[in-house]
């Protein structure tokens, strides 16, 4: 699996700055924070390359119209 940098977003407050998490620390963040896993790639990319277990796929071009599907009380880990 390619090394990915993922963006750890705190969905609220809106002004919060994103934090980059190195790929080798993803498991630690997942265990400690129990984030919502959001994969914003298109379905073809997800099918071809795979995704993290438990990730929800909302393609980036659909994200604005589907914001109500994102939790407001959890960290959001995006790939």
N, C-alpha and C. Protein backbone atom coordinates (compact mmCIF):
# COMPACT_ATOMS: atom_id res chain seq x y z
N UNK A 1 0.85 -1.18 0.00
CA UNK A 1 0.00 0.00 0.00
C UNK A 1 0.89 1.23 0.00
N UNK A 2 0.54 2.19 -0.83
CA UNK A 2 1.31 3.41 -0.89
C UNK A 2 1.22 4.15 0.41
N UNK A 3 2.32 4.84 0.73
CA UNK A 3 2.28 5.70 1.91
C UNK A 3 1.40 6.90 1.58
N UNK A 4 0.43 7.10 2.40
CA UNK A 4 -0.49 8.22 2.20
C UNK A 4 -0.34 9.20 3.35
N UNK A 5 -0.42 10.43 3.02
CA UNK A 5 -0.60 11.43 4.07
C UNK A 5 -2.07 11.69 4.12
N UNK A 6 -2.59 11.68 5.27
CA UNK A 6 -4.02 11.91 5.41
C UNK A 6 -4.23 13.18 6.20
N UNK A 7 -5.37 13.72 6.03
CA UNK A 7 -5.71 14.96 6.68
C UNK A 7 -6.63 14.65 7.84
N UNK A 8 -6.19 15.02 9.02
CA UNK A 8 -7.03 14.82 10.19
C UNK A 8 -7.77 16.13 10.42
N UNK A 9 -9.06 16.10 10.26
CA UNK A 9 -9.86 17.31 10.37
C UNK A 9 -10.75 17.25 11.59
N UNK A 10 -10.77 18.32 12.30
CA UNK A 10 -11.75 18.48 13.36
C UNK A 10 -12.90 19.26 12.74
N UNK A 11 -14.02 18.62 12.47
CA UNK A 11 -15.09 19.21 11.69
C UNK A 11 -15.66 20.45 12.36
N UNK A 12 -15.66 20.49 13.67
CA UNK A 12 -16.08 21.69 14.38
C UNK A 12 -14.99 22.02 15.39
N UNK A 13 -14.58 23.20 15.54
CA UNK A 13 -15.08 24.40 14.89
C UNK A 13 -14.59 24.52 13.45
N UNK A 14 -15.32 25.27 12.67
CA UNK A 14 -15.02 25.43 11.26
C UNK A 14 -13.64 26.03 11.04
N UNK A 15 -13.18 26.89 11.93
CA UNK A 15 -11.91 27.59 11.77
C UNK A 15 -10.71 26.72 12.15
N UNK A 16 -10.93 25.53 12.65
CA UNK A 16 -9.82 24.67 13.07
C UNK A 16 -8.90 24.36 11.90
N UNK A 17 -7.64 24.34 12.17
CA UNK A 17 -6.64 24.05 11.15
C UNK A 17 -6.48 22.54 10.99
N UNK A 18 -6.42 22.04 9.74
CA UNK A 18 -6.17 20.61 9.54
C UNK A 18 -4.78 20.23 10.01
N UNK A 19 -4.63 18.98 10.38
CA UNK A 19 -3.35 18.45 10.85
C UNK A 19 -2.98 17.29 9.94
N UNK A 20 -1.78 17.32 9.38
CA UNK A 20 -1.32 16.20 8.56
C UNK A 20 -0.81 15.09 9.47
N UNK A 21 -1.25 13.88 9.19
CA UNK A 21 -0.84 12.72 9.96
C UNK A 21 -0.05 11.79 9.04
N UNK A 22 1.21 11.48 9.36
CA UNK A 22 1.98 10.55 8.53
C UNK A 22 1.31 9.18 8.50
N UNK A 23 1.44 8.50 7.38
CA UNK A 23 0.80 7.21 7.18
C UNK A 23 1.14 6.21 8.28
N UNK A 24 2.37 6.26 8.79
CA UNK A 24 2.77 5.29 9.81
C UNK A 24 2.14 5.57 11.17
N UNK A 25 1.40 6.67 11.30
CA UNK A 25 0.74 6.99 12.57
C UNK A 25 -0.79 6.84 12.49
N UNK A 26 -1.29 6.44 11.33
CA UNK A 26 -2.74 6.33 11.15
C UNK A 26 -3.35 5.35 12.15
N UNK A 27 -2.73 4.18 12.33
CA UNK A 27 -3.29 3.18 13.24
C UNK A 27 -3.39 3.72 14.66
N UNK A 28 -2.38 4.45 15.10
CA UNK A 28 -2.40 5.03 16.45
C UNK A 28 -3.54 6.03 16.58
N UNK A 29 -3.69 6.90 15.60
CA UNK A 29 -4.77 7.89 15.62
C UNK A 29 -6.13 7.19 15.62
N UNK A 30 -6.26 6.15 14.80
CA UNK A 30 -7.53 5.42 14.73
C UNK A 30 -7.88 4.79 16.07
N UNK A 31 -6.89 4.22 16.75
CA UNK A 31 -7.15 3.57 18.03
C UNK A 31 -7.48 4.58 19.12
N UNK A 32 -6.76 5.69 19.15
CA UNK A 32 -6.93 6.65 20.23
C UNK A 32 -8.13 7.58 20.04
N UNK A 33 -8.39 7.97 18.82
CA UNK A 33 -9.41 8.99 18.56
C UNK A 33 -10.72 8.45 18.01
N UNK A 34 -10.74 7.22 17.50
CA UNK A 34 -11.93 6.64 16.87
C UNK A 34 -12.55 7.61 15.85
N UNK A 35 -11.76 8.04 14.86
CA UNK A 35 -12.28 9.02 13.90
C UNK A 35 -13.24 8.40 12.89
N UNK A 36 -14.00 9.26 12.23
CA UNK A 36 -14.81 8.90 11.10
C UNK A 36 -13.87 8.87 9.90
N UNK A 37 -13.83 7.76 9.18
CA UNK A 37 -12.92 7.61 8.05
C UNK A 37 -13.64 7.99 6.76
N UNK A 38 -13.15 9.02 6.09
CA UNK A 38 -13.78 9.54 4.88
C UNK A 38 -12.82 9.42 3.71
N UNK A 39 -13.22 8.70 2.70
CA UNK A 39 -12.42 8.55 1.48
C UNK A 39 -13.10 9.40 0.41
N UNK A 40 -12.40 10.44 -0.07
CA UNK A 40 -13.00 11.38 -1.01
C UNK A 40 -12.63 11.09 -2.47
N UNK A 41 -12.03 9.94 -2.73
CA UNK A 41 -11.69 9.59 -4.11
C UNK A 41 -12.93 9.10 -4.83
N UNK A 42 -12.86 9.08 -6.17
CA UNK A 42 -14.01 8.58 -6.92
C UNK A 42 -14.08 7.05 -6.78
N UNK A 43 -15.27 6.47 -6.98
CA UNK A 43 -15.45 5.03 -6.78
C UNK A 43 -14.50 4.16 -7.60
N UNK A 44 -14.14 4.59 -8.80
CA UNK A 44 -13.20 3.81 -9.61
C UNK A 44 -11.84 3.69 -8.93
N UNK A 45 -11.37 4.80 -8.34
CA UNK A 45 -10.10 4.78 -7.64
C UNK A 45 -10.16 3.88 -6.41
N UNK A 46 -11.26 3.96 -5.68
CA UNK A 46 -11.43 3.12 -4.49
C UNK A 46 -11.42 1.64 -4.88
N UNK A 47 -12.15 1.31 -5.94
CA UNK A 47 -12.21 -0.08 -6.40
C UNK A 47 -10.83 -0.57 -6.85
N UNK A 48 -10.12 0.26 -7.57
CA UNK A 48 -8.81 -0.12 -8.10
C UNK A 48 -7.73 -0.19 -7.02
N UNK A 49 -7.71 0.80 -6.11
CA UNK A 49 -6.63 0.92 -5.14
C UNK A 49 -6.98 0.46 -3.74
N UNK A 50 -8.27 0.28 -3.46
CA UNK A 50 -8.69 -0.11 -2.12
C UNK A 50 -8.79 1.10 -1.20
N UNK A 51 -9.24 0.84 0.01
CA UNK A 51 -9.39 1.90 1.00
C UNK A 51 -9.20 1.31 2.39
N UNK A 52 -9.22 2.14 3.39
CA UNK A 52 -9.08 1.66 4.77
C UNK A 52 -10.36 0.96 5.21
N UNK A 53 -10.25 -0.09 6.01
CA UNK A 53 -11.45 -0.76 6.52
C UNK A 53 -12.33 0.22 7.30
N UNK A 54 -13.60 0.19 7.01
CA UNK A 54 -14.55 1.06 7.71
C UNK A 54 -14.70 2.44 7.11
N UNK A 55 -13.95 2.77 6.07
CA UNK A 55 -14.03 4.10 5.47
C UNK A 55 -15.34 4.26 4.70
N UNK A 56 -15.85 5.48 4.71
CA UNK A 56 -17.05 5.84 3.95
C UNK A 56 -16.58 6.62 2.73
N UNK A 57 -17.05 6.20 1.56
CA UNK A 57 -16.65 6.87 0.32
C UNK A 57 -17.69 7.91 -0.07
N UNK A 58 -17.26 9.18 -0.04
CA UNK A 58 -18.06 10.28 -0.56
C UNK A 58 -17.12 11.03 -1.50
N UNK A 59 -17.28 10.84 -2.82
CA UNK A 59 -16.38 11.50 -3.77
C UNK A 59 -16.34 13.01 -3.55
N UNK A 60 -15.19 13.58 -3.75
CA UNK A 60 -14.98 15.00 -3.49
C UNK A 60 -15.99 15.88 -4.20
N UNK A 61 -16.35 15.53 -5.42
CA UNK A 61 -17.30 16.36 -6.16
C UNK A 61 -18.73 16.26 -5.61
N UNK A 62 -18.99 15.35 -4.68
CA UNK A 62 -20.30 15.20 -4.04
C UNK A 62 -20.29 15.69 -2.60
N UNK A 63 -19.13 16.00 -2.10
CA UNK A 63 -18.98 16.28 -0.67
C UNK A 63 -19.87 17.42 -0.18
N UNK A 64 -19.90 18.53 -0.90
CA UNK A 64 -20.69 19.67 -0.44
C UNK A 64 -22.17 19.31 -0.29
N UNK A 65 -22.70 18.53 -1.22
CA UNK A 65 -24.12 18.18 -1.16
C UNK A 65 -24.40 17.07 -0.15
N UNK A 66 -23.36 16.45 0.38
CA UNK A 66 -23.55 15.33 1.31
C UNK A 66 -22.96 15.60 2.70
N UNK A 67 -22.73 16.87 3.02
CA UNK A 67 -22.14 17.23 4.31
C UNK A 67 -22.95 16.72 5.49
N UNK A 68 -24.26 16.57 5.31
CA UNK A 68 -25.11 16.09 6.40
C UNK A 68 -24.80 14.65 6.78
N UNK A 69 -24.05 13.93 5.96
CA UNK A 69 -23.66 12.55 6.27
C UNK A 69 -22.42 12.48 7.16
N UNK A 70 -21.78 13.62 7.39
CA UNK A 70 -20.58 13.63 8.21
C UNK A 70 -20.93 13.92 9.66
N UNK A 71 -20.26 13.23 10.58
CA UNK A 71 -20.55 13.48 12.00
C UNK A 71 -20.01 14.85 12.41
N UNK A 72 -20.70 15.47 13.32
CA UNK A 72 -20.26 16.78 13.82
C UNK A 72 -19.54 16.66 15.17
N UNK A 73 -19.53 15.46 15.72
CA UNK A 73 -18.97 15.26 17.05
C UNK A 73 -17.76 14.32 17.06
N UNK A 74 -17.17 14.07 15.90
CA UNK A 74 -16.02 13.17 15.80
C UNK A 74 -14.95 13.78 14.90
N UNK A 75 -13.74 13.36 15.13
CA UNK A 75 -12.68 13.71 14.21
C UNK A 75 -12.95 13.05 12.88
N UNK A 76 -12.54 13.68 11.79
CA UNK A 76 -12.72 13.11 10.47
C UNK A 76 -11.35 12.91 9.87
N UNK A 77 -11.04 11.67 9.52
CA UNK A 77 -9.78 11.30 8.90
C UNK A 77 -10.06 11.09 7.43
N UNK A 78 -9.42 11.89 6.56
CA UNK A 78 -9.71 11.79 5.13
C UNK A 78 -8.52 11.22 4.36
N UNK A 79 -8.85 10.55 3.28
CA UNK A 79 -7.81 10.02 2.40
C UNK A 79 -8.14 10.43 0.99
